[in-house]
Structure formats: C-alpha cells, structure tokens
PDB file of N, CA and C in Angstrom:
ATOM      1  N   UNK A   1      90.051 -54.888  35.908  1.00  0.00           N
ATOM      2  CA  UNK A   1      89.107 -54.964  37.011  1.00  0.00           C
ATOM      3  C   UNK A   1      88.641 -53.550  37.357  1.00  0.00           C
ATOM      4  N   UNK A   2      87.353 -53.389  37.553  1.00  0.00           N
ATOM      5  CA  UNK A   2      86.778 -52.075  37.841  1.00  0.00           C
ATOM      6  C   UNK A   2      87.170 -51.599  39.230  1.00  0.00           C
ATOM      7  N   UNK A   3      87.408 -50.332  39.326  1.00  0.00           N
ATOM      8  CA  UNK A   3      87.784 -49.722  40.597  1.00  0.00           C
ATOM      9  C   UNK A   3      86.557 -49.656  41.508  1.00  0.00           C
ATOM     10  N   UNK A   4      86.712 -50.026  42.774  1.00  0.00           N
ATOM     11  CA  UNK A   4      85.610 -49.958  43.740  1.00  0.00           C
ATOM     12  C   UNK A   4      85.403 -48.507  44.138  1.00  0.00           C
ATOM     13  N   UNK A   5      84.189 -48.012  43.892  1.00  0.00           N
ATOM     14  CA  UNK A   5      83.880 -46.615  44.186  1.00  0.00           C
ATOM     15  C   UNK A   5      83.428 -46.456  45.627  1.00  0.00           C
ATOM     16  N   UNK A   6      83.790 -45.334  46.213  1.00  0.00           N
ATOM     17  CA  UNK A   6      83.390 -45.023  47.584  1.00  0.00           C
ATOM     18  C   UNK A   6      81.977 -44.455  47.592  1.00  0.00           C
ATOM     19  N   UNK A   7      81.302 -44.599  48.716  1.00  0.00           N
ATOM     20  CA  UNK A   7      79.950 -44.065  48.898  1.00  0.00           C
ATOM     21  C   UNK A   7      80.038 -42.575  49.229  1.00  0.00           C
ATOM     22  N   UNK A   8      79.249 -41.768  48.543  1.00  0.00           N
ATOM     23  CA  UNK A   8      79.210 -40.330  48.827  1.00  0.00           C
ATOM     24  C   UNK A   8      78.449 -40.125  50.128  1.00  0.00           C
ATOM     25  N   UNK A   9      79.036 -39.411  51.092  1.00  0.00           N
ATOM     26  CA  UNK A   9      78.345 -39.211  52.374  1.00  0.00           C
ATOM     27  C   UNK A   9      77.173 -38.238  52.254  1.00  0.00           C
ATOM     28  N   UNK A  10      76.313 -38.251  53.251  1.00  0.00           N
ATOM     29  CA  UNK A  10      75.222 -37.283  53.345  1.00  0.00           C
ATOM     30  C   UNK A  10      75.800 -36.003  53.937  1.00  0.00           C
ATOM     31  N   UNK A  11      75.338 -34.861  53.462  1.00  0.00           N
ATOM     32  CA  UNK A  11      75.845 -33.576  53.930  1.00  0.00           C
ATOM     33  C   UNK A  11      74.725 -32.797  54.609  1.00  0.00           C
ATOM     34  N   UNK A  12      75.062 -32.139  55.699  1.00  0.00           N
ATOM     35  CA  UNK A  12      74.079 -31.349  56.434  1.00  0.00           C
ATOM     36  C   UNK A  12      73.841 -29.994  55.783  1.00  0.00           C
ATOM     37  N   UNK A  13      74.819 -29.530  55.007  1.00  0.00           N
ATOM     38  CA  UNK A  13      74.687 -28.212  54.388  1.00  0.00           C
ATOM     39  C   UNK A  13      75.524 -28.161  53.111  1.00  0.00           C
ATOM     40  N   UNK A  14      75.253 -27.147  52.319  1.00  0.00           N
ATOM     41  CA  UNK A  14      76.032 -26.948  51.097  1.00  0.00           C
ATOM     42  C   UNK A  14      77.482 -26.622  51.453  1.00  0.00           C
ATOM     43  N   UNK A  15      77.679 -25.875  52.522  1.00  0.00           N
ATOM     44  CA  UNK A  15      79.038 -25.521  52.941  1.00  0.00           C
ATOM     45  C   UNK A  15      79.825 -26.777  53.315  1.00  0.00           C
ATOM     46  N   UNK A  16      79.164 -27.704  54.005  1.00  0.00           N
ATOM     47  CA  UNK A  16      79.823 -28.950  54.386  1.00  0.00           C
ATOM     48  C   UNK A  16      80.191 -29.765  53.143  1.00  0.00           C
ATOM     49  N   UNK A  17      79.289 -29.800  52.177  1.00  0.00           N
ATOM     50  CA  UNK A  17      79.563 -30.522  50.937  1.00  0.00           C
ATOM     51  C   UNK A  17      80.710 -29.876  50.173  1.00  0.00           C
ATOM     52  N   UNK A  18      80.716 -28.551  50.109  1.00  0.00           N
ATOM     53  CA  UNK A  18      81.785 -27.828  49.413  1.00  0.00           C
ATOM     54  C   UNK A  18      83.137 -28.151  50.047  1.00  0.00           C
ATOM     55  N   UNK A  19      83.185 -28.129  51.370  1.00  0.00           N
ATOM     56  CA  UNK A  19      84.434 -28.427  52.084  1.00  0.00           C
ATOM     57  C   UNK A  19      84.887 -29.859  51.799  1.00  0.00           C
ATOM     58  N   UNK A  20      83.946 -30.791  51.761  1.00  0.00           N
ATOM     59  CA  UNK A  20      84.279 -32.183  51.473  1.00  0.00           C
ATOM     60  C   UNK A  20      84.927 -32.322  50.099  1.00  0.00           C
ATOM     61  N   UNK A  21      84.287 -31.725  49.056  1.00  0.00           N
ATOM     62  CA  UNK A  21      84.797 -31.895  47.698  1.00  0.00           C
ATOM     63  C   UNK A  21      86.090 -31.134  47.454  1.00  0.00           C
ATOM     64  N   UNK A  22      86.385 -30.144  48.290  1.00  0.00           N
ATOM     65  CA  UNK A  22      87.676 -29.457  48.181  1.00  0.00           C
ATOM     66  C   UNK A  22      88.820 -30.382  48.583  1.00  0.00           C
ATOM     67  N   UNK A  23      88.512 -31.395  49.403  1.00  0.00           N
ATOM     68  CA  UNK A  23      89.550 -32.278  49.941  1.00  0.00           C
ATOM     69  C   UNK A  23      89.530 -33.685  49.346  1.00  0.00           C
ATOM     70  N   UNK A  24      88.530 -34.008  48.530  1.00  0.00           N
ATOM     71  CA  UNK A  24      88.400 -35.360  47.988  1.00  0.00           C
ATOM     72  C   UNK A  24      88.317 -35.331  46.462  1.00  0.00           C
ATOM     73  N   UNK A  25      88.753 -36.404  45.854  1.00  0.00           N
ATOM     74  CA  UNK A  25      88.748 -36.538  44.398  1.00  0.00           C
ATOM     75  C   UNK A  25      87.448 -37.197  43.950  1.00  0.00           C
ATOM     76  N   UNK A  26      86.729 -36.559  43.035  1.00  0.00           N
ATOM     77  CA  UNK A  26      85.456 -37.117  42.558  1.00  0.00           C
ATOM     78  C   UNK A  26      85.649 -38.463  41.870  1.00  0.00           C
ATOM     79  N   UNK A  27      86.826 -38.708  41.330  1.00  0.00           N
ATOM     80  CA  UNK A  27      87.087 -39.977  40.644  1.00  0.00           C
ATOM     81  C   UNK A  27      87.012 -41.163  41.603  1.00  0.00           C
ATOM     82  N   UNK A  28      87.161 -40.922  42.902  1.00  0.00           N
ATOM     83  CA  UNK A  28      87.033 -41.990  43.895  1.00  0.00           C
ATOM     84  C   UNK A  28      85.576 -42.330  44.174  1.00  0.00           C
ATOM     85  N   UNK A  29      84.660 -41.468  43.747  1.00  0.00           N
ATOM     86  CA  UNK A  29      83.243 -41.613  44.088  1.00  0.00           C
ATOM     87  C   UNK A  29      82.342 -41.826  42.870  1.00  0.00           C
ATOM     88  N   UNK A  30      82.816 -41.452  41.691  1.00  0.00           N
ATOM     89  CA  UNK A  30      82.004 -41.557  40.480  1.00  0.00           C
ATOM     90  C   UNK A  30      82.820 -42.159  39.354  1.00  0.00           C
ATOM     91  N   UNK A  31      82.157 -42.943  38.506  1.00  0.00           N
ATOM     92  CA  UNK A  31      82.798 -43.479  37.311  1.00  0.00           C
ATOM     93  C   UNK A  31      82.703 -42.407  36.229  1.00  0.00           C
ATOM     94  N   UNK A  32      83.767 -41.636  36.083  1.00  0.00           N
ATOM     95  CA  UNK A  32      83.756 -40.497  35.167  1.00  0.00           C
ATOM     96  C   UNK A  32      83.695 -40.912  33.704  1.00  0.00           C
ATOM     97  N   UNK A  33      83.960 -42.183  33.412  1.00  0.00           N
ATOM     98  CA  UNK A  33      83.852 -42.644  32.025  1.00  0.00           C
ATOM     99  C   UNK A  33      82.389 -42.695  31.576  1.00  0.00           C
ATOM    100  N   UNK A  34      81.473 -42.672  32.526  1.00  0.00           N
ATOM    101  CA  UNK A  34      80.042 -42.701  32.211  1.00  0.00           C
ATOM    102  C   UNK A  34      79.411 -41.309  32.286  1.00  0.00           C
ATOM    103  N   UNK A  35      80.229 -40.296  32.487  1.00  0.00           N
ATOM    104  CA  UNK A  35      79.712 -38.931  32.593  1.00  0.00           C
ATOM    105  C   UNK A  35      79.127 -38.483  31.259  1.00  0.00           C
ATOM    106  N   UNK A  36      78.057 -37.705  31.332  1.00  0.00           N
ATOM    107  CA  UNK A  36      77.377 -37.202  30.154  1.00  0.00           C
ATOM    108  C   UNK A  36      77.367 -35.678  30.234  1.00  0.00           C
ATOM    109  N   UNK A  37      77.750 -35.044  29.145  1.00  0.00           N
ATOM    110  CA  UNK A  37      77.735 -33.584  29.101  1.00  0.00           C
ATOM    111  C   UNK A  37      76.293 -33.107  29.009  1.00  0.00           C
ATOM    112  N   UNK A  38      75.943 -32.121  29.831  1.00  0.00           N
ATOM    113  CA  UNK A  38      74.584 -31.572  29.804  1.00  0.00           C
ATOM    114  C   UNK A  38      74.643 -30.072  29.582  1.00  0.00           C
ATOM    115  N   UNK A  39      73.530 -29.521  29.131  1.00  0.00           N
ATOM    116  CA  UNK A  39      73.411 -28.082  28.935  1.00  0.00           C
ATOM    117  C   UNK A  39      72.173 -27.598  29.666  1.00  0.00           C
ATOM    118  N   UNK A  40      72.229 -26.391  30.166  1.00  0.00           N
ATOM    119  CA  UNK A  40      71.101 -25.760  30.827  1.00  0.00           C
ATOM    120  C   UNK A  40      70.795 -24.462  30.083  1.00  0.00           C
ATOM    121  N   UNK A  41      70.145 -24.552  28.921  1.00  0.00           N
ATOM    122  CA  UNK A  41      69.960 -23.365  28.085  1.00  0.00           C
ATOM    123  C   UNK A  41      69.050 -22.313  28.696  1.00  0.00           C
ATOM    124  N   UNK A  42      68.172 -22.698  29.594  1.00  0.00           N
ATOM    125  CA  UNK A  42      67.225 -21.741  30.165  1.00  0.00           C
ATOM    126  C   UNK A  42      67.612 -21.292  31.575  1.00  0.00           C
ATOM    127  N   UNK A  43      68.819 -21.630  31.983  1.00  0.00           N
ATOM    128  CA  UNK A  43      69.283 -21.257  33.313  1.00  0.00           C
ATOM    129  C   UNK A  43      69.515 -19.755  33.367  1.00  0.00           C
ATOM    130  N   UNK A  44      68.877 -19.125  34.324  1.00  0.00           N
ATOM    131  CA  UNK A  44      69.008 -17.676  34.458  1.00  0.00           C
ATOM    132  C   UNK A  44      69.936 -17.370  35.624  1.00  0.00           C
ATOM    133  N   UNK A  45      70.741 -16.331  35.500  1.00  0.00           N
ATOM    134  CA  UNK A  45      71.629 -15.986  36.604  1.00  0.00           C
ATOM    135  C   UNK A  45      70.826 -15.603  37.837  1.00  0.00           C
ATOM    136  N   UNK A  46      71.347 -15.950  38.987  1.00  0.00           N
ATOM    137  CA  UNK A  46      70.647 -15.639  40.231  1.00  0.00           C
ATOM    138  C   UNK A  46      71.124 -14.306  40.796  1.00  0.00           C
ATOM    139  N   UNK A  47      71.449 -13.394  39.934  1.00  0.00           N
ATOM    140  CA  UNK A  47      71.889 -12.074  40.355  1.00  0.00           C
ATOM    141  C   UNK A  47      70.968 -11.014  39.770  1.00  0.00           C
ATOM    142  N   UNK A  48      70.998  -9.858  40.381  1.00  0.00           N
ATOM    143  CA  UNK A  48      70.208  -8.730  39.903  1.00  0.00           C
ATOM    144  C   UNK A  48      71.147  -7.564  39.661  1.00  0.00           C
ATOM    145  N   UNK A  49      71.013  -6.951  38.522  1.00  0.00           N
ATOM    146  CA  UNK A  49      71.845  -5.789  38.208  1.00  0.00           C
ATOM    147  C   UNK A  49      71.315  -4.575  38.958  1.00  0.00           C
ATOM    148  N   UNK A  50      72.229  -3.812  39.529  1.00  0.00           N
ATOM    149  CA  UNK A  50      71.860  -2.568  40.195  1.00  0.00           C
ATOM    150  C   UNK A  50      72.736  -1.448  39.657  1.00  0.00           C
ATOM    151  N   UNK A  51      72.321  -0.237  39.921  1.00  0.00           N
ATOM    152  CA  UNK A  51      73.108   0.924  39.526  1.00  0.00           C
ATOM    153  C   UNK A  51      73.430   1.698  40.802  1.00  0.00           C
ATOM    154  N   UNK A  52      74.685   2.051  40.956  1.00  0.00           N
ATOM    155  CA  UNK A  52      75.104   2.792  42.150  1.00  0.00           C
ATOM    156  C   UNK A  52      76.076   3.887  41.711  1.00  0.00           C
ATOM    157  N   UNK A  53      75.865   5.057  42.233  1.00  0.00           N
ATOM    158  CA  UNK A  53      76.752   6.181  41.899  1.00  0.00           C
ATOM    159  C   UNK A  53      77.862   6.265  42.952  1.00  0.00           C
ATOM    160  N   UNK A  54      79.090   6.263  42.468  1.00  0.00           N
ATOM    161  CA  UNK A  54      80.257   6.362  43.352  1.00  0.00           C
ATOM    162  C   UNK A  54      81.089   7.545  42.906  1.00  0.00           C
ATOM    163  N   UNK A  55      81.721   8.205  43.865  1.00  0.00           N
ATOM    164  CA  UNK A  55      82.666   9.257  43.477  1.00  0.00           C
ATOM    165  C   UNK A  55      83.780   8.629  42.625  1.00  0.00           C
ATOM    166  N   UNK A  56      84.228   9.358  41.630  1.00  0.00           N
ATOM    167  CA  UNK A  56      85.233   8.855  40.700  1.00  0.00           C
ATOM    168  C   UNK A  56      86.493   8.388  41.420  1.00  0.00           C
ATOM    169  N   UNK A  57      86.949   9.154  42.403  1.00  0.00           N
ATOM    170  CA  UNK A  57      88.177   8.764  43.108  1.00  0.00           C
ATOM    171  C   UNK A  57      87.980   7.479  43.913  1.00  0.00           C
ATOM    172  N   UNK A  58      86.780   7.271  44.466  1.00  0.00           N
ATOM    173  CA  UNK A  58      86.514   6.031  45.198  1.00  0.00           C
ATOM    174  C   UNK A  58      86.543   4.845  44.237  1.00  0.00           C
ATOM    175  N   UNK A  59      85.906   4.981  43.087  1.00  0.00           N
ATOM    176  CA  UNK A  59      85.909   3.902  42.107  1.00  0.00           C
ATOM    177  C   UNK A  59      87.333   3.598  41.641  1.00  0.00           C
ATOM    178  N   UNK A  60      88.134   4.608  41.447  1.00  0.00           N
ATOM    179  CA  UNK A  60      89.531   4.383  41.042  1.00  0.00           C
ATOM    180  C   UNK A  60      90.295   3.631  42.128  1.00  0.00           C
ATOM    181  N   UNK A  61      90.067   3.971  43.390  1.00  0.00           N
ATOM    182  CA  UNK A  61      90.724   3.264  44.495  1.00  0.00           C
ATOM    183  C   UNK A  61      90.299   1.796  44.532  1.00  0.00           C
ATOM    184  N   UNK A  62      89.014   1.551  44.284  1.00  0.00           N
ATOM    185  CA  UNK A  62      88.513   0.176  44.252  1.00  0.00           C
ATOM    186  C   UNK A  62      89.159  -0.596  43.103  1.00  0.00           C
ATOM    187  N   UNK A  63      89.276   0.030  41.947  1.00  0.00           N
ATOM    188  CA  UNK A  63      89.894  -0.626  40.788  1.00  0.00           C
ATOM    189  C   UNK A  63      91.362  -0.952  41.056  1.00  0.00           C
ATOM    190  N   UNK A  64      92.070  -0.058  41.735  1.00  0.00           N
ATOM    191  CA  UNK A  64      93.468  -0.312  42.081  1.00  0.00           C
ATOM    192  C   UNK A  64      93.553  -1.501  43.041  1.00  0.00           C
ATOM    193  N   UNK A  65      92.672  -1.526  44.057  1.00  0.00           N
ATOM    194  CA  UNK A  65      92.661  -2.630  45.022  1.00  0.00           C
ATOM    195  C   UNK A  65      92.341  -3.950  44.316  1.00  0.00           C
ATOM    196  N   UNK A  66      91.413  -3.918  43.382  1.00  0.00           N
ATOM    197  CA  UNK A  66      91.048  -5.126  42.643  1.00  0.00           C
ATOM    198  C   UNK A  66      92.208  -5.596  41.772  1.00  0.00           C
ATOM    199  N   UNK A  67      92.889  -4.649  41.125  1.00  0.00           N
ATOM    200  CA  UNK A  67      94.033  -4.994  40.283  1.00  0.00           C
ATOM    201  C   UNK A  67      95.142  -5.653  41.104  1.00  0.00           C
ATOM    202  N   UNK A  68      95.373  -5.157  42.311  1.00  0.00           N
ATOM    203  CA  UNK A  68      96.391  -5.758  43.185  1.00  0.00           C
ATOM    204  C   UNK A  68      96.037  -7.193  43.552  1.00  0.00           C
ATOM    205  N   UNK A  69      94.728  -7.473  43.634  1.00  0.00           N
ATOM    206  CA  UNK A  69      94.268  -8.822  43.988  1.00  0.00           C
ATOM    207  C   UNK A  69      94.009  -9.688  42.753  1.00  0.00           C
ATOM    208  N   UNK A  70      94.179  -9.091  41.578  1.00  0.00           N
ATOM    209  CA  UNK A  70      93.975  -9.783  40.310  1.00  0.00           C
ATOM    210  C   UNK A  70      92.546 -10.333  40.183  1.00  0.00           C
ATOM    211  N   UNK A  71      91.564  -9.495  40.556  1.00  0.00           N
ATOM    212  CA  UNK A  71      90.152  -9.838  40.406  1.00  0.00           C
ATOM    213  C   UNK A  71      89.440  -8.662  39.751  1.00  0.00           C
ATOM    214  N   UNK A  72      88.337  -8.912  39.069  1.00  0.00           N
ATOM    215  CA  UNK A  72      87.567  -7.796  38.514  1.00  0.00           C
ATOM    216  C   UNK A  72      87.040  -6.906  39.647  1.00  0.00           C
ATOM    217  N   UNK A  73      86.981  -5.605  39.408  1.00  0.00           N
ATOM    218  CA  UNK A  73      86.597  -4.694  40.483  1.00  0.00           C
ATOM    219  C   UNK A  73      85.166  -4.927  40.955  1.00  0.00           C
ATOM    220  N   UNK A  74      84.264  -5.328  40.057  1.00  0.00           N
ATOM    221  CA  UNK A  74      82.889  -5.599  40.483  1.00  0.00           C
ATOM    222  C   UNK A  74      82.840  -6.829  41.385  1.00  0.00           C
ATOM    223  N   UNK A  75      83.669  -7.823  41.115  1.00  0.00           N
ATOM    224  CA  UNK A  75      83.739  -8.999  41.981  1.00  0.00           C
ATOM    225  C   UNK A  75      84.262  -8.622  43.356  1.00  0.00           C
ATOM    226  N   UNK A  76      85.243  -7.731  43.389  1.00  0.00           N
ATOM    227  CA  UNK A  76      85.790  -7.288  44.668  1.00  0.00           C
ATOM    228  C   UNK A  76      84.723  -6.543  45.477  1.00  0.00           C
ATOM    229  N   UNK A  77      83.951  -5.695  44.816  1.00  0.00           N
ATOM    230  CA  UNK A  77      82.869  -4.986  45.501  1.00  0.00           C
ATOM    231  C   UNK A  77      81.873  -5.988  46.073  1.00  0.00           C
ATOM    232  N   UNK A  78      81.510  -7.013  45.287  1.00  0.00           N
ATOM    233  CA  UNK A  78      80.576  -8.037  45.777  1.00  0.00           C
ATOM    234  C   UNK A  78      81.152  -8.774  46.977  1.00  0.00           C
ATOM    235  N   UNK A  79      82.464  -9.092  46.941  1.00  0.00           N
ATOM    236  CA  UNK A  79      83.100  -9.764  48.076  1.00  0.00           C
ATOM    237  C   UNK A  79      83.026  -8.904  49.326  1.00  0.00           C
ATOM    238  N   UNK A  80      83.371  -7.626  49.187  1.00  0.00           N
ATOM    239  CA  UNK A  80      83.350  -6.732  50.331  1.00  0.00           C
ATOM    240  C   UNK A  80      81.948  -6.580  50.894  1.00  0.00           C
ATOM    241  N   UNK A  81      80.964  -6.443  50.027  1.00  0.00           N
ATOM    242  CA  UNK A  81      79.581  -6.319  50.497  1.00  0.00           C
ATOM    243  C   UNK A  81      79.138  -7.578  51.224  1.00  0.00           C
ATOM    244  N   UNK A  82      79.489  -8.732  50.667  1.00  0.00           N
ATOM    245  CA  UNK A  82      79.128  -9.990  51.281  1.00  0.00           C
ATOM    246  C   UNK A  82      79.766 -10.134  52.665  1.00  0.00           C
ATOM    247  N   UNK A  83      81.033  -9.763  52.785  1.00  0.00           N
ATOM    248  CA  UNK A  83      81.734  -9.837  54.073  1.00  0.00           C
ATOM    249  C   UNK A  83      81.075  -8.906  55.101  1.00  0.00           C
ATOM    250  N   UNK A  84      80.707  -7.737  54.665  1.00  0.00           N
ATOM    251  CA  UNK A  84      80.134  -6.745  55.581  1.00  0.00           C
ATOM    252  C   UNK A  84      78.748  -7.174  56.054  1.00  0.00           C
ATOM    253  N   UNK A  85      77.939  -7.695  55.161  1.00  0.00           N
ATOM    254  CA  UNK A  85      76.574  -8.075  55.497  1.00  0.00           C
ATOM    255  C   UNK A  85      76.534  -9.409  56.248  1.00  0.00           C
ATOM    256  N   UNK A  86      77.415 -10.330  55.823  1.00  0.00           N
ATOM    257  CA  UNK A  86      77.408 -11.689  56.384  1.00  0.00           C
ATOM    258  C   UNK A  86      77.995 -11.787  57.696  1.00  0.00           C
TER     259      UNK A  86
END
C-alpha cells in the first residue's frame, strides 16, 4: 500500500522554508522513487571574484582561525563579511 504523502506548506520566505526542511523529512512529502536526476549545465555561480590586498600576517591569522574551525579561509572571510554587513 502506498504511503500517504503530506502536503507541503506555503512559505512566506526562503528562510522559513529552509527552517522547515531542516526539521522535516522530504520522504514524508515526496515520492522519492519517482525522482529524476537533472543537470544545470549553464548554471553560473552567483558570486563575483574580487582581489583584495591583505598584510601577510593578517592573512596568516585568518588562515589559522579558519583551520581551527575546519573551514576554508575564503569561506571564513565571506562569513565574517556577511555577519558584519547583515
């Protein structure tokens, strides 16, 4: 007998949807046996490369902080910038 799937709620924002899916199993809402693999060959990253000059000792300190957090140092810089601006 097929499992009765739940209705996916409407979300007011992407953040609300993200929070919902962090706490719920997609298998309760979708028949994953019917899932189809897709590719997005022309998808372009939504980021822009920039160049910034940093003192060598500052960059080394950032790399040490990133290593302690087990994240790439560029990702850590992006996190810090996002926190500061947001």
